[in-house]
mmCIF file of all heavy atoms, coordinates in Angstrom:
data_MODEL
# 
_entry.id   MODEL 
# 
loop_
_atom_site.group_PDB 
_atom_site.id 
_atom_site.type_symbol 
_atom_site.label_atom_id 
_atom_site.label_alt_id 
_atom_site.label_comp_id 
_atom_site.label_asym_id 
_atom_site.label_entity_id 
_atom_site.label_seq_id 
_atom_site.pdbx_PDB_ins_code 
_atom_site.Cartn_x 
_atom_site.Cartn_y 
_atom_site.Cartn_z 
_atom_site.occupancy 
_atom_site.B_iso_or_equiv 
_atom_site.pdbx_formal_charge 
_atom_site.auth_seq_id 
_atom_site.auth_comp_id 
_atom_site.auth_asym_id 
_atom_site.auth_atom_id 
_atom_site.pdbx_PDB_model_num 
ATOM 1   N N   . MET A 1 1  ? 97.790  186.881 88.479 1.00 0.00 ? 1  MET A N   1 
ATOM 2   C CA  . MET A 1 1  ? 96.375  187.208 88.654 1.00 0.00 ? 1  MET A CA  1 
ATOM 3   C C   . MET A 1 1  ? 96.029  187.283 90.142 1.00 0.00 ? 1  MET A C   1 
ATOM 4   O O   . MET A 1 1  ? 95.260  188.151 90.561 1.00 0.00 ? 1  MET A O   1 
ATOM 5   C CB  . MET A 1 1  ? 95.502  186.157 87.958 1.00 0.00 ? 1  MET A CB  1 
ATOM 6   C CG  . MET A 1 1  ? 94.062  186.584 87.789 1.00 0.00 ? 1  MET A CG  1 
ATOM 7   S SD  . MET A 1 1  ? 93.872  187.971 86.642 1.00 0.00 ? 1  MET A SD  1 
ATOM 8   C CE  . MET A 1 1  ? 94.000  187.119 85.072 1.00 0.00 ? 1  MET A CE  1 
ATOM 9   N N   . HIS A 1 2  ? 96.601  186.380 90.954 1.00 0.00 ? 2  HIS A N   1 
ATOM 10  C CA  . HIS A 1 2  ? 96.399  186.464 92.405 1.00 0.00 ? 2  HIS A CA  1 
ATOM 11  C C   . HIS A 1 2  ? 96.891  187.821 92.915 1.00 0.00 ? 2  HIS A C   1 
ATOM 12  O O   . HIS A 1 2  ? 96.223  188.475 93.724 1.00 0.00 ? 2  HIS A O   1 
ATOM 13  C CB  . HIS A 1 2  ? 97.179  185.350 93.126 1.00 0.00 ? 2  HIS A CB  1 
ATOM 14  C CG  . HIS A 1 2  ? 96.540  184.000 93.056 1.00 0.00 ? 2  HIS A CG  1 
ATOM 15  N ND1 . HIS A 1 2  ? 96.831  183.098 92.056 1.00 0.00 ? 2  HIS A ND1 1 
ATOM 16  C CD2 . HIS A 1 2  ? 95.633  183.401 93.867 1.00 0.00 ? 2  HIS A CD2 1 
ATOM 17  C CE1 . HIS A 1 2  ? 96.129  181.987 92.256 1.00 0.00 ? 2  HIS A CE1 1 
ATOM 18  N NE2 . HIS A 1 2  ? 95.397  182.145 93.344 1.00 0.00 ? 2  HIS A NE2 1 
ATOM 19  N N   . PHE A 1 3  ? 98.069  188.222 92.454 1.00 0.00 ? 3  PHE A N   1 
ATOM 20  C CA  . PHE A 1 3  ? 98.648  189.500 92.890 1.00 0.00 ? 3  PHE A CA  1 
ATOM 21  C C   . PHE A 1 3  ? 97.717  190.663 92.565 1.00 0.00 ? 3  PHE A C   1 
ATOM 22  O O   . PHE A 1 3  ? 97.412  191.494 93.427 1.00 0.00 ? 3  PHE A O   1 
ATOM 23  C CB  . PHE A 1 3  ? 100.006 189.709 92.206 1.00 0.00 ? 3  PHE A CB  1 
ATOM 24  C CG  . PHE A 1 3  ? 100.517 191.124 92.309 1.00 0.00 ? 3  PHE A CG  1 
ATOM 25  C CD1 . PHE A 1 3  ? 101.141 191.587 93.455 1.00 0.00 ? 3  PHE A CD1 1 
ATOM 26  C CD2 . PHE A 1 3  ? 100.359 192.010 91.240 1.00 0.00 ? 3  PHE A CD2 1 
ATOM 27  C CE1 . PHE A 1 3  ? 101.594 192.905 93.554 1.00 0.00 ? 3  PHE A CE1 1 
ATOM 28  C CE2 . PHE A 1 3  ? 100.817 193.324 91.326 1.00 0.00 ? 3  PHE A CE2 1 
ATOM 29  C CZ  . PHE A 1 3  ? 101.437 193.763 92.493 1.00 0.00 ? 3  PHE A CZ  1 
ATOM 30  N N   . ALA A 1 4  ? 97.250  190.734 91.319 1.00 0.00 ? 4  ALA A N   1 
ATOM 31  C CA  . ALA A 1 4  ? 96.401  191.854 90.878 1.00 0.00 ? 4  ALA A CA  1 
ATOM 32  C C   . ALA A 1 4  ? 95.084  191.887 91.647 1.00 0.00 ? 4  ALA A C   1 
ATOM 33  O O   . ALA A 1 4  ? 94.620  192.948 92.066 1.00 0.00 ? 4  ALA A O   1 
ATOM 34  C CB  . ALA A 1 4  ? 96.150  191.758 89.375 1.00 0.00 ? 4  ALA A CB  1 
ATOM 35  N N   . VAL A 1 5  ? 94.482  190.706 91.847 1.00 0.00 ? 5  VAL A N   1 
ATOM 36  C CA  . VAL A 1 5  ? 93.187  190.642 92.533 1.00 0.00 ? 5  VAL A CA  1 
ATOM 37  C C   . VAL A 1 5  ? 93.352  190.944 94.022 1.00 0.00 ? 5  VAL A C   1 
ATOM 38  O O   . VAL A 1 5  ? 92.529  191.644 94.617 1.00 0.00 ? 5  VAL A O   1 
ATOM 39  C CB  . VAL A 1 5  ? 92.538  189.250 92.323 1.00 0.00 ? 5  VAL A CB  1 
ATOM 40  C CG1 . VAL A 1 5  ? 91.315  189.085 93.211 1.00 0.00 ? 5  VAL A CG1 1 
ATOM 41  C CG2 . VAL A 1 5  ? 92.157  189.063 90.859 1.00 0.00 ? 5  VAL A CG2 1 
ATOM 42  N N   . ARG A 1 6  ? 94.422  190.436 94.627 1.00 0.00 ? 6  ARG A N   1 
ATOM 43  C CA  . ARG A 1 6  ? 94.627  190.643 96.066 1.00 0.00 ? 6  ARG A CA  1 
ATOM 44  C C   . ARG A 1 6  ? 94.672  192.129 96.416 1.00 0.00 ? 6  ARG A C   1 
ATOM 45  O O   . ARG A 1 6  ? 94.158  192.567 97.440 1.00 0.00 ? 6  ARG A O   1 
ATOM 46  C CB  . ARG A 1 6  ? 95.914  189.951 96.507 1.00 0.00 ? 6  ARG A CB  1 
ATOM 47  C CG  . ARG A 1 6  ? 96.127  189.967 98.016 1.00 0.00 ? 6  ARG A CG  1 
ATOM 48  C CD  . ARG A 1 6  ? 97.391  189.228 98.420 1.00 0.00 ? 6  ARG A CD  1 
ATOM 49  N NE  . ARG A 1 6  ? 97.215  187.793 98.328 1.00 0.00 ? 6  ARG A NE  1 
ATOM 50  C CZ  . ARG A 1 6  ? 97.810  187.021 97.416 1.00 0.00 ? 6  ARG A CZ  1 
ATOM 51  N NH1 . ARG A 1 6  ? 98.617  187.563 96.521 1.00 0.00 ? 6  ARG A NH1 1 
ATOM 52  N NH2 . ARG A 1 6  ? 97.612  185.731 97.404 1.00 0.00 ? 6  ARG A NH2 1 
ATOM 53  N N   . LEU A 1 7  ? 95.301  192.928 95.540 1.00 0.00 ? 7  LEU A N   1 
ATOM 54  C CA  . LEU A 1 7  ? 95.388  194.365 95.797 1.00 0.00 ? 7  LEU A CA  1 
ATOM 55  C C   . LEU A 1 7  ? 94.191  195.145 95.237 1.00 0.00 ? 7  LEU A C   1 
ATOM 56  O O   . LEU A 1 7  ? 94.095  196.351 95.416 1.00 0.00 ? 7  LEU A O   1 
ATOM 57  C CB  . LEU A 1 7  ? 96.687  194.926 95.200 1.00 0.00 ? 7  LEU A CB  1 
ATOM 58  C CG  . LEU A 1 7  ? 97.981  194.571 95.940 1.00 0.00 ? 7  LEU A CG  1 
ATOM 59  C CD1 . LEU A 1 7  ? 99.172  195.235 95.273 1.00 0.00 ? 7  LEU A CD1 1 
ATOM 60  C CD2 . LEU A 1 7  ? 97.920  194.980 97.398 1.00 0.00 ? 7  LEU A CD2 1 
ATOM 61  N N   . GLY A 1 8  ? 93.297  194.435 94.527 1.00 0.00 ? 8  GLY A N   1 
ATOM 62  C CA  . GLY A 1 8  ? 92.126  195.114 93.967 1.00 0.00 ? 8  GLY A CA  1 
ATOM 63  C C   . GLY A 1 8  ? 92.455  195.962 92.754 1.00 0.00 ? 8  GLY A C   1 
ATOM 64  O O   . GLY A 1 8  ? 91.837  197.009 92.539 1.00 0.00 ? 8  GLY A O   1 
ATOM 65  N N   . LEU A 1 9  ? 93.411  195.512 91.938 1.00 0.00 ? 9  LEU A N   1 
ATOM 66  C CA  . LEU A 1 9  ? 93.848  196.285 90.769 1.00 0.00 ? 9  LEU A CA  1 
ATOM 67  C C   . LEU A 1 9  ? 92.960  195.926 89.570 1.00 0.00 ? 9  LEU A C   1 
ATOM 68  O O   . LEU A 1 9  ? 93.244  194.992 88.816 1.00 0.00 ? 9  LEU A O   1 
ATOM 69  C CB  . LEU A 1 9  ? 95.327  196.002 90.470 1.00 0.00 ? 9  LEU A CB  1 
ATOM 70  C CG  . LEU A 1 9  ? 96.286  196.227 91.658 1.00 0.00 ? 9  LEU A CG  1 
ATOM 71  C CD1 . LEU A 1 9  ? 97.728  195.922 91.257 1.00 0.00 ? 9  LEU A CD1 1 
ATOM 72  C CD2 . LEU A 1 9  ? 96.178  197.667 92.163 1.00 0.00 ? 9  LEU A CD2 1 
ATOM 73  N N   . LEU A 1 10 ? 91.906  196.687 89.387 1.00 0.00 ? 10 LEU A N   1 
ATOM 74  C CA  . LEU A 1 10 ? 90.886  196.382 88.387 1.00 0.00 ? 10 LEU A CA  1 
ATOM 75  C C   . LEU A 1 10 ? 91.428  196.451 86.963 1.00 0.00 ? 10 LEU A C   1 
ATOM 76  O O   . LEU A 1 10 ? 91.207  195.554 86.144 1.00 0.00 ? 10 LEU A O   1 
ATOM 77  C CB  . LEU A 1 10 ? 89.721  197.371 88.559 1.00 0.00 ? 10 LEU A CB  1 
ATOM 78  C CG  . LEU A 1 10 ? 88.383  197.015 87.932 1.00 0.00 ? 10 LEU A CG  1 
ATOM 79  C CD1 . LEU A 1 10 ? 87.797  195.771 88.598 1.00 0.00 ? 10 LEU A CD1 1 
ATOM 80  C CD2 . LEU A 1 10 ? 87.393  198.171 88.084 1.00 0.00 ? 10 LEU A CD2 1 
ATOM 81  N N   . ARG A 1 11 ? 92.162  197.515 86.648 1.00 0.00 ? 11 ARG A N   1 
ATOM 82  C CA  . ARG A 1 11 ? 92.653  197.703 85.275 1.00 0.00 ? 11 ARG A CA  1 
ATOM 83  C C   . ARG A 1 11 ? 93.733  196.666 84.933 1.00 0.00 ? 11 ARG A C   1 
ATOM 84  O O   . ARG A 1 11 ? 93.776  196.150 83.818 1.00 0.00 ? 11 ARG A O   1 
ATOM 85  C CB  . ARG A 1 11 ? 93.213  199.114 85.103 1.00 0.00 ? 11 ARG A CB  1 
ATOM 86  C CG  . ARG A 1 11 ? 92.201  200.234 85.339 1.00 0.00 ? 11 ARG A CG  1 
ATOM 87  C CD  . ARG A 1 11 ? 92.880  201.585 85.257 1.00 0.00 ? 11 ARG A CD  1 
ATOM 88  N NE  . ARG A 1 11 ? 92.014  202.705 85.599 1.00 0.00 ? 11 ARG A NE  1 
ATOM 89  C CZ  . ARG A 1 11 ? 91.889  203.200 86.809 1.00 0.00 ? 11 ARG A CZ  1 
ATOM 90  N NH1 . ARG A 1 11 ? 92.569  202.677 87.818 1.00 0.00 ? 11 ARG A NH1 1 
ATOM 91  N NH2 . ARG A 1 11 ? 91.096  204.228 87.035 1.00 0.00 ? 11 ARG A NH2 1 
ATOM 92  N N   . LEU A 1 12 ? 94.618  196.389 85.907 1.00 0.00 ? 12 LEU A N   1 
ATOM 93  C CA  . LEU A 1 12 ? 95.670  195.398 85.660 1.00 0.00 ? 12 LEU A CA  1 
ATOM 94  C C   . LEU A 1 12 ? 95.055  194.010 85.478 1.00 0.00 ? 12 LEU A C   1 
ATOM 95  O O   . LEU A 1 12 ? 95.485  193.243 84.615 1.00 0.00 ? 12 LEU A O   1 
ATOM 96  C CB  . LEU A 1 12 ? 96.684  195.389 86.806 1.00 0.00 ? 12 LEU A CB  1 
ATOM 97  C CG  . LEU A 1 12 ? 97.873  194.433 86.625 1.00 0.00 ? 12 LEU A CG  1 
ATOM 98  C CD1 . LEU A 1 12 ? 98.641  194.733 85.340 1.00 0.00 ? 12 LEU A CD1 1 
ATOM 99  C CD2 . LEU A 1 12 ? 98.815  194.492 87.824 1.00 0.00 ? 12 LEU A CD2 1 
ATOM 100 N N   . THR A 1 13 ? 94.032  193.695 86.275 1.00 0.00 ? 13 THR A N   1 
ATOM 101 C CA  . THR A 1 13 ? 93.343  192.415 86.122 1.00 0.00 ? 13 THR A CA  1 
ATOM 102 C C   . THR A 1 13 ? 92.739  192.302 84.730 1.00 0.00 ? 13 THR A C   1 
ATOM 103 O O   . THR A 1 13 ? 92.850  191.258 84.071 1.00 0.00 ? 13 THR A O   1 
ATOM 104 C CB  . THR A 1 13 ? 92.235  192.266 87.185 1.00 0.00 ? 13 THR A CB  1 
ATOM 105 O OG1 . THR A 1 13 ? 92.831  192.323 88.490 1.00 0.00 ? 13 THR A OG1 1 
ATOM 106 C CG2 . THR A 1 13 ? 91.487  190.964 87.026 1.00 0.00 ? 13 THR A CG2 1 
ATOM 107 N N   . TRP A 1 14 ? 92.099  193.379 84.267 1.00 0.00 ? 14 TRP A N   1 
ATOM 108 C CA  . TRP A 1 14 ? 91.509  193.375 82.918 1.00 0.00 ? 14 TRP A CA  1 
ATOM 109 C C   . TRP A 1 14 ? 92.587  193.127 81.869 1.00 0.00 ? 14 TRP A C   1 
ATOM 110 O O   . TRP A 1 14 ? 92.402  192.336 80.947 1.00 0.00 ? 14 TRP A O   1 
ATOM 111 C CB  . TRP A 1 14 ? 90.795  194.697 82.654 1.00 0.00 ? 14 TRP A CB  1 
ATOM 112 C CG  . TRP A 1 14 ? 90.410  194.885 81.212 1.00 0.00 ? 14 TRP A CG  1 
ATOM 113 C CD1 . TRP A 1 14 ? 91.097  195.570 80.255 1.00 0.00 ? 14 TRP A CD1 1 
ATOM 114 C CD2 . TRP A 1 14 ? 89.273  194.323 80.556 1.00 0.00 ? 14 TRP A CD2 1 
ATOM 115 N NE1 . TRP A 1 14 ? 90.454  195.498 79.052 1.00 0.00 ? 14 TRP A NE1 1 
ATOM 116 C CE2 . TRP A 1 14 ? 89.336  194.734 79.195 1.00 0.00 ? 14 TRP A CE2 1 
ATOM 117 C CE3 . TRP A 1 14 ? 88.208  193.536 80.979 1.00 0.00 ? 14 TRP A CE3 1 
ATOM 118 C CZ2 . TRP A 1 14 ? 88.368  194.369 78.280 1.00 0.00 ? 14 TRP A CZ2 1 
ATOM 119 C CZ3 . TRP A 1 14 ? 87.244  193.177 80.045 1.00 0.00 ? 14 TRP A CZ3 1 
ATOM 120 C CH2 . TRP A 1 14 ? 87.326  193.590 78.717 1.00 0.00 ? 14 TRP A CH2 1 
ATOM 121 N N   . PHE A 1 15 ? 93.724  193.813 81.998 1.00 0.00 ? 15 PHE A N   1 
ATOM 122 C CA  . PHE A 1 15 ? 94.813  193.641 81.043 1.00 0.00 ? 15 PHE A CA  1 
ATOM 123 C C   . PHE A 1 15 ? 95.288  192.186 81.035 1.00 0.00 ? 15 PHE A C   1 
ATOM 124 O O   . PHE A 1 15 ? 95.468  191.580 79.962 1.00 0.00 ? 15 PHE A O   1 
ATOM 125 C CB  . PHE A 1 15 ? 95.980  194.567 81.389 1.00 0.00 ? 15 PHE A CB  1 
ATOM 126 C CG  . PHE A 1 15 ? 97.203  194.349 80.533 1.00 0.00 ? 15 PHE A CG  1 
ATOM 127 C CD1 . PHE A 1 15 ? 97.322  194.968 79.294 1.00 0.00 ? 15 PHE A CD1 1 
ATOM 128 C CD2 . PHE A 1 15 ? 98.220  193.510 80.952 1.00 0.00 ? 15 PHE A CD2 1 
ATOM 129 C CE1 . PHE A 1 15 ? 98.431  194.744 78.478 1.00 0.00 ? 15 PHE A CE1 1 
ATOM 130 C CE2 . PHE A 1 15 ? 99.339  193.282 80.147 1.00 0.00 ? 15 PHE A CE2 1 
ATOM 131 C CZ  . PHE A 1 15 ? 99.448  193.907 78.917 1.00 0.00 ? 15 PHE A CZ  1 
ATOM 132 N N   . LEU A 1 16 ? 95.509  191.607 82.215 1.00 0.00 ? 16 LEU A N   1 
ATOM 133 C CA  . LEU A 1 16 ? 96.008  190.229 82.302 1.00 0.00 ? 16 LEU A CA  1 
ATOM 134 C C   . LEU A 1 16 ? 95.016  189.231 81.717 1.00 0.00 ? 16 LEU A C   1 
ATOM 135 O O   . LEU A 1 16 ? 95.413  188.231 81.113 1.00 0.00 ? 16 LEU A O   1 
ATOM 136 C CB  . LEU A 1 16 ? 96.320  189.865 83.760 1.00 0.00 ? 16 LEU A CB  1 
ATOM 137 C CG  . LEU A 1 16 ? 97.482  190.633 84.409 1.00 0.00 ? 16 LEU A CG  1 
ATOM 138 C CD1 . LEU A 1 16 ? 97.598  190.263 85.884 1.00 0.00 ? 16 LEU A CD1 1 
ATOM 139 C CD2 . LEU A 1 16 ? 98.803  190.371 83.681 1.00 0.00 ? 16 LEU A CD2 1 
ATOM 140 N N   . LEU A 1 17 ? 93.731  189.511 81.878 1.00 0.00 ? 17 LEU A N   1 
ATOM 141 C CA  . LEU A 1 17 ? 92.705  188.618 81.325 1.00 0.00 ? 17 LEU A CA  1 
ATOM 142 C C   . LEU A 1 17 ? 92.794  188.509 79.804 1.00 0.00 ? 17 LEU A C   1 
ATOM 143 O O   . LEU A 1 17 ? 92.423  187.492 79.216 1.00 0.00 ? 17 LEU A O   1 
ATOM 144 C CB  . LEU A 1 17 ? 91.304  189.116 81.697 1.00 0.00 ? 17 LEU A CB  1 
ATOM 145 C CG  . LEU A 1 17 ? 90.757  188.703 83.062 1.00 0.00 ? 17 LEU A CG  1 
ATOM 146 C CD1 . LEU A 1 17 ? 89.435  189.402 83.324 1.00 0.00 ? 17 LEU A CD1 1 
ATOM 147 C CD2 . LEU A 1 17 ? 90.589  187.192 83.151 1.00 0.00 ? 17 LEU A CD2 1 
ATOM 148 N N   . GLN A 1 18 ? 93.277  189.570 79.164 1.00 0.00 ? 18 GLN A N   1 
ATOM 149 C CA  . GLN A 1 18 ? 93.371  189.581 77.694 1.00 0.00 ? 18 GLN A CA  1 
ATOM 150 C C   . GLN A 1 18 ? 94.641  188.886 77.185 1.00 0.00 ? 18 GLN A C   1 
ATOM 151 O O   . GLN A 1 18 ? 94.794  188.668 75.989 1.00 0.00 ? 18 GLN A O   1 
ATOM 152 C CB  . GLN A 1 18 ? 93.354  191.026 77.152 1.00 0.00 ? 18 GLN A CB  1 
ATOM 153 C CG  . GLN A 1 18 ? 92.319  191.943 77.770 1.00 0.00 ? 18 GLN A CG  1 
ATOM 154 C CD  . GLN A 1 18 ? 90.927  191.366 77.786 1.00 0.00 ? 18 GLN A CD  1 
ATOM 155 O OE1 . GLN A 1 18 ? 90.442  190.861 76.774 1.00 0.00 ? 18 GLN A OE1 1 
ATOM 156 N NE2 . GLN A 1 18 ? 90.286  191.422 78.943 1.00 0.00 ? 18 GLN A NE2 1 
ATOM 157 N N   . GLN A 1 19 ? 95.558  188.561 78.103 1.00 0.00 ? 19 GLN A N   1 
ATOM 158 C CA  . GLN A 1 19 ? 96.838  187.971 77.701 1.00 0.00 ? 19 GLN A CA  1 
ATOM 159 C C   . GLN A 1 19 ? 96.781  186.449 77.730 1.00 0.00 ? 19 GLN A C   1 
ATOM 160 O O   . GLN A 1 19 ? 95.923  185.857 78.399 1.00 0.00 ? 19 GLN A O   1 
ATOM 161 C CB  . GLN A 1 19 ? 97.955  188.457 78.639 1.00 0.00 ? 19 GLN A CB  1 
ATOM 162 C CG  . GLN A 1 19 ? 98.054  189.967 78.792 1.00 0.00 ? 19 GLN A CG  1 
ATOM 163 C CD  . GLN A 1 19 ? 98.094  190.686 77.455 1.00 0.00 ? 19 GLN A CD  1 
ATOM 164 O OE1 . GLN A 1 19 ? 98.903  190.373 76.591 1.00 0.00 ? 19 GLN A OE1 1 
ATOM 165 N NE2 . GLN A 1 19 ? 97.208  191.672 77.298 1.00 0.00 ? 19 GLN A NE2 1 
ATOM 166 N N   . PRO A 1 20 ? 97.713  185.763 76.999 1.00 0.00 ? 20 PRO A N   1 
ATOM 167 C CA  . PRO A 1 20 ? 97.775  184.296 77.063 1.00 0.00 ? 20 PRO A CA  1 
ATOM 168 C C   . PRO A 1 20 ? 97.924  183.820 78.512 1.00 0.00 ? 20 PRO A C   1 
ATOM 169 O O   . PRO A 1 20 ? 98.738  184.352 79.260 1.00 0.00 ? 20 PRO A O   1 
ATOM 170 C CB  . PRO A 1 20 ? 99.038  183.962 76.261 1.00 0.00 ? 20 PRO A CB  1 
ATOM 171 C CG  . PRO A 1 20 ? 99.215  185.124 75.326 1.00 0.00 ? 20 PRO A CG  1 
ATOM 172 C CD  . PRO A 1 20 ? 98.729  186.325 76.077 1.00 0.00 ? 20 PRO A CD  1 
ATOM 173 N N   . GLY A 1 21 ? 97.108  182.852 78.895 1.00 0.00 ? 21 GLY A N   1 
ATOM 174 C CA  . GLY A 1 21 ? 97.163  182.314 80.254 1.00 0.00 ? 21 GLY A CA  1 
ATOM 175 C C   . GLY A 1 21 ? 96.304  183.069 81.249 1.00 0.00 ? 21 GLY A C   1 
ATOM 176 O O   . GLY A 1 21 ? 96.142  182.631 82.392 1.00 0.00 ? 21 GLY A O   1 
ATOM 177 N N   . GLY A 1 22 ? 95.733  184.198 80.836 1.00 0.00 ? 22 GLY A N   1 
ATOM 178 C CA  . GLY A 1 22 ? 94.947  185.019 81.749 1.00 0.00 ? 22 GLY A CA  1 
ATOM 179 C C   . GLY A 1 22 ? 93.707  184.312 82.256 1.00 0.00 ? 22 GLY A C   1 
ATOM 180 O O   . GLY A 1 22 ? 93.441  184.273 83.467 1.00 0.00 ? 22 GLY A O   1 
ATOM 181 N N   . ARG A 1 23 ? 92.949  183.731 81.350 1.00 0.00 ? 23 ARG A N   1 
ATOM 182 C CA  . ARG A 1 23 ? 91.729  183.012 81.748 1.00 0.00 ? 23 ARG A CA  1 
ATOM 183 C C   . ARG A 1 23 ? 92.064  181.742 82.530 1.00 0.00 ? 23 ARG A C   1 
ATOM 184 O O   . ARG A 1 23 ? 91.378  181.368 83.479 1.00 0.00 ? 23 ARG A O   1 
ATOM 185 C CB  . ARG A 1 23 ? 90.899  182.663 80.517 1.00 0.00 ? 23 ARG A CB  1 
ATOM 186 C CG  . ARG A 1 23 ? 90.236  183.863 79.866 1.00 0.00 ? 23 ARG A CG  1 
ATOM 187 C CD  . ARG A 1 23 ? 89.005  184.277 80.615 1.00 0.00 ? 23 ARG A CD  1 
ATOM 188 N NE  . ARG A 1 23 ? 88.487  185.576 80.175 1.00 0.00 ? 23 ARG A NE  1 
ATOM 189 C CZ  . ARG A 1 23 ? 87.561  186.256 80.821 1.00 0.00 ? 23 ARG A CZ  1 
ATOM 190 N NH1 . ARG A 1 23 ? 87.069  185.783 81.949 1.00 0.00 ? 23 ARG A NH1 1 
ATOM 191 N NH2 . ARG A 1 23 ? 87.160  187.421 80.383 1.00 0.00 ? 23 ARG A NH2 1 
ATOM 192 N N   . GLY A 1 24 ? 93.149  181.079 82.113 1.00 0.00 ? 24 GLY A N   1 
ATOM 193 C CA  . GLY A 1 24 ? 93.563  179.848 82.799 1.00 0.00 ? 24 GLY A CA  1 
ATOM 194 C C   . GLY A 1 24 ? 93.942  180.087 84.241 1.00 0.00 ? 24 GLY A C   1 
ATOM 195 O O   . GLY A 1 24 ? 93.768  179.219 85.097 1.00 0.00 ? 24 GLY A O   1 
ATOM 196 N N   . ALA A 1 25 ? 94.449  181.295 84.538 1.00 0.00 ? 25 ALA A N   1 
ATOM 197 C CA  . ALA A 1 25 ? 94.886  181.607 85.896 1.00 0.00 ? 25 ALA A CA  1 
ATOM 198 C C   . ALA A 1 25 ? 93.714  181.694 86.874 1.00 0.00 ? 25 ALA A C   1 
ATOM 199 O O   . ALA A 1 25 ? 93.908  181.550 88.088 1.00 0.00 ? 25 ALA A O   1 
ATOM 200 C CB  . ALA A 1 25 ? 95.655  182.931 85.901 1.00 0.00 ? 25 ALA A CB  1 
ATOM 201 N N   . LEU A 1 26 ? 92.505  181.899 86.370 1.00 0.00 ? 26 LEU A N   1 
ATOM 202 C CA  . LEU A 1 26 ? 91.353  182.103 87.253 1.00 0.00 ? 26 LEU A CA  1 
ATOM 203 C C   . LEU A 1 26 ? 91.012  180.870 88.072 1.00 0.00 ? 26 LEU A C   1 
ATOM 204 O O   . LEU A 1 26 ? 90.429  180.974 89.150 1.00 0.00 ? 26 LEU A O   1 
ATOM 205 C CB  . LEU A 1 26 ? 90.126  182.523 86.432 1.00 0.00 ? 26 LEU A CB  1 
ATOM 206 C CG  . LEU A 1 26 ? 90.239  183.852 85.671 1.00 0.00 ? 26 LEU A CG  1 
ATOM 207 C CD1 . LEU A 1 26 ? 88.936  184.176 84.964 1.00 0.00 ? 26 LEU A CD1 1 
ATOM 208 C CD2 . LEU A 1 26 ? 90.615  184.986 86.628 1.00 0.00 ? 26 LEU A CD2 1 
ATOM 209 N N   . SER A 1 27 ? 91.375  179.683 87.576 1.00 0.00 ? 27 SER A N   1 
ATOM 210 C CA  . SER A 1 27 ? 91.001  178.453 88.293 1.00 0.00 ? 27 SER A CA  1 
ATOM 211 C C   . SER A 1 27 ? 92.156  177.857 89.090 1.00 0.00 ? 27 SER A C   1 
ATOM 212 O O   . SER A 1 27 ? 92.039  176.770 89.643 1.00 0.00 ? 27 SER A O   1 
ATOM 213 C CB  . SER A 1 27 ? 90.469  177.413 87.290 1.00 0.00 ? 27 SER A CB  1 
ATOM 214 O OG  . SER A 1 27 ? 91.427  177.193 86.269 1.00 0.00 ? 27 SER A OG  1 
ATOM 215 N N   . ILE A 1 28 ? 93.291  178.553 89.152 1.00 0.00 ? 28 ILE A N   1 
ATOM 216 C CA  . ILE A 1 28 ? 94.453  178.020 89.867 1.00 0.00 ? 28 ILE A CA  1 
ATOM 217 C C   . ILE A 1 28 ? 94.399  178.415 91.346 1.00 0.00 ? 28 ILE A C   1 
ATOM 218 O O   . ILE A 1 28 ? 94.190  179.583 91.680 1.00 0.00 ? 28 ILE A O   1 
ATOM 219 C CB  . ILE A 1 28 ? 95.764  178.514 89.214 1.00 0.00 ? 28 ILE A CB  1 
ATOM 220 C CG1 . ILE A 1 28 ? 95.907  177.875 87.837 1.00 0.00 ? 28 ILE A CG1 1 
ATOM 221 C CG2 . ILE A 1 28 ? 96.973  178.196 90.088 1.00 0.00 ? 28 ILE A CG2 1 
ATOM 222 C CD1 . ILE A 1 28 ? 97.137  178.271 87.082 1.00 0.00 ? 28 ILE A CD1 1 
ATOM 223 N N   . HIS A 1 29 ? 94.579  177.429 92.210 1.00 0.00 ? 29 HIS A N   1 
ATOM 224 C CA  . HIS A 1 29 ? 94.599  177.663 93.651 1.00 0.00 ? 29 HIS A CA  1 
ATOM 225 C C   . HIS A 1 29 ? 96.017  177.979 94.103 1.00 0.00 ? 29 HIS A C   1 
ATOM 226 O O   . HIS A 1 29 ? 96.986  177.420 93.577 1.00 0.00 ? 29 HIS A O   1 
ATOM 227 C CB  . HIS A 1 29 ? 94.112  176.418 94.411 1.00 0.00 ? 29 HIS A CB  1 
ATOM 228 C CG  . HIS A 1 29 ? 92.668  176.074 94.163 1.00 0.00 ? 29 HIS A CG  1 
ATOM 229 N ND1 . HIS A 1 29 ? 92.238  175.449 93.003 1.00 0.00 ? 29 HIS A ND1 1 
ATOM 230 C CD2 . HIS A 1 29 ? 91.555  176.291 94.917 1.00 0.00 ? 29 HIS A CD2 1 
ATOM 231 C CE1 . HIS A 1 29 ? 90.929  175.271 93.059 1.00 0.00 ? 29 HIS A CE1 1 
ATOM 232 N NE2 . HIS A 1 29 ? 90.488  175.781 94.213 1.00 0.00 ? 29 HIS A NE2 1 
ATOM 233 N N   . ASN A 1 30 ? 96.125  178.882 95.083 1.00 0.00 ? 30 ASN A N   1 
ATOM 234 C CA  . ASN A 1 30 ? 97.446  179.091 95.693 1.00 0.00 ? 30 ASN A CA  1 
ATOM 235 C C   . ASN A 1 30 ? 97.584  178.141 96.891 1.00 0.00 ? 30 ASN A C   1 
ATOM 236 O O   . ASN A 1 30 ? 96.724  177.280 97.114 1.00 0.00 ? 30 ASN A O   1 
ATOM 237 C CB  . ASN A 1 30 ? 97.657  180.557 96.080 1.00 0.00 ? 30 ASN A CB  1 
ATOM 238 C CG  . ASN A 1 30 ? 96.676  181.037 97.137 1.00 0.00 ? 30 ASN A CG  1 
ATOM 239 O OD1 . ASN A 1 30 ? 95.950  180.246 97.755 1.00 0.00 ? 30 ASN A OD1 1 
ATOM 240 N ND2 . ASN A 1 30 ? 96.632  182.346 97.356 1.00 0.00 ? 30 ASN A ND2 1 
# 
């Protein structure tokens, strides 16, 4: 999710959000 957001990949971010672990990734710090 960090990778997709860092590059501004809107569609890939949407896809990842629908997958297991997608929502959980939003609160993880690098």
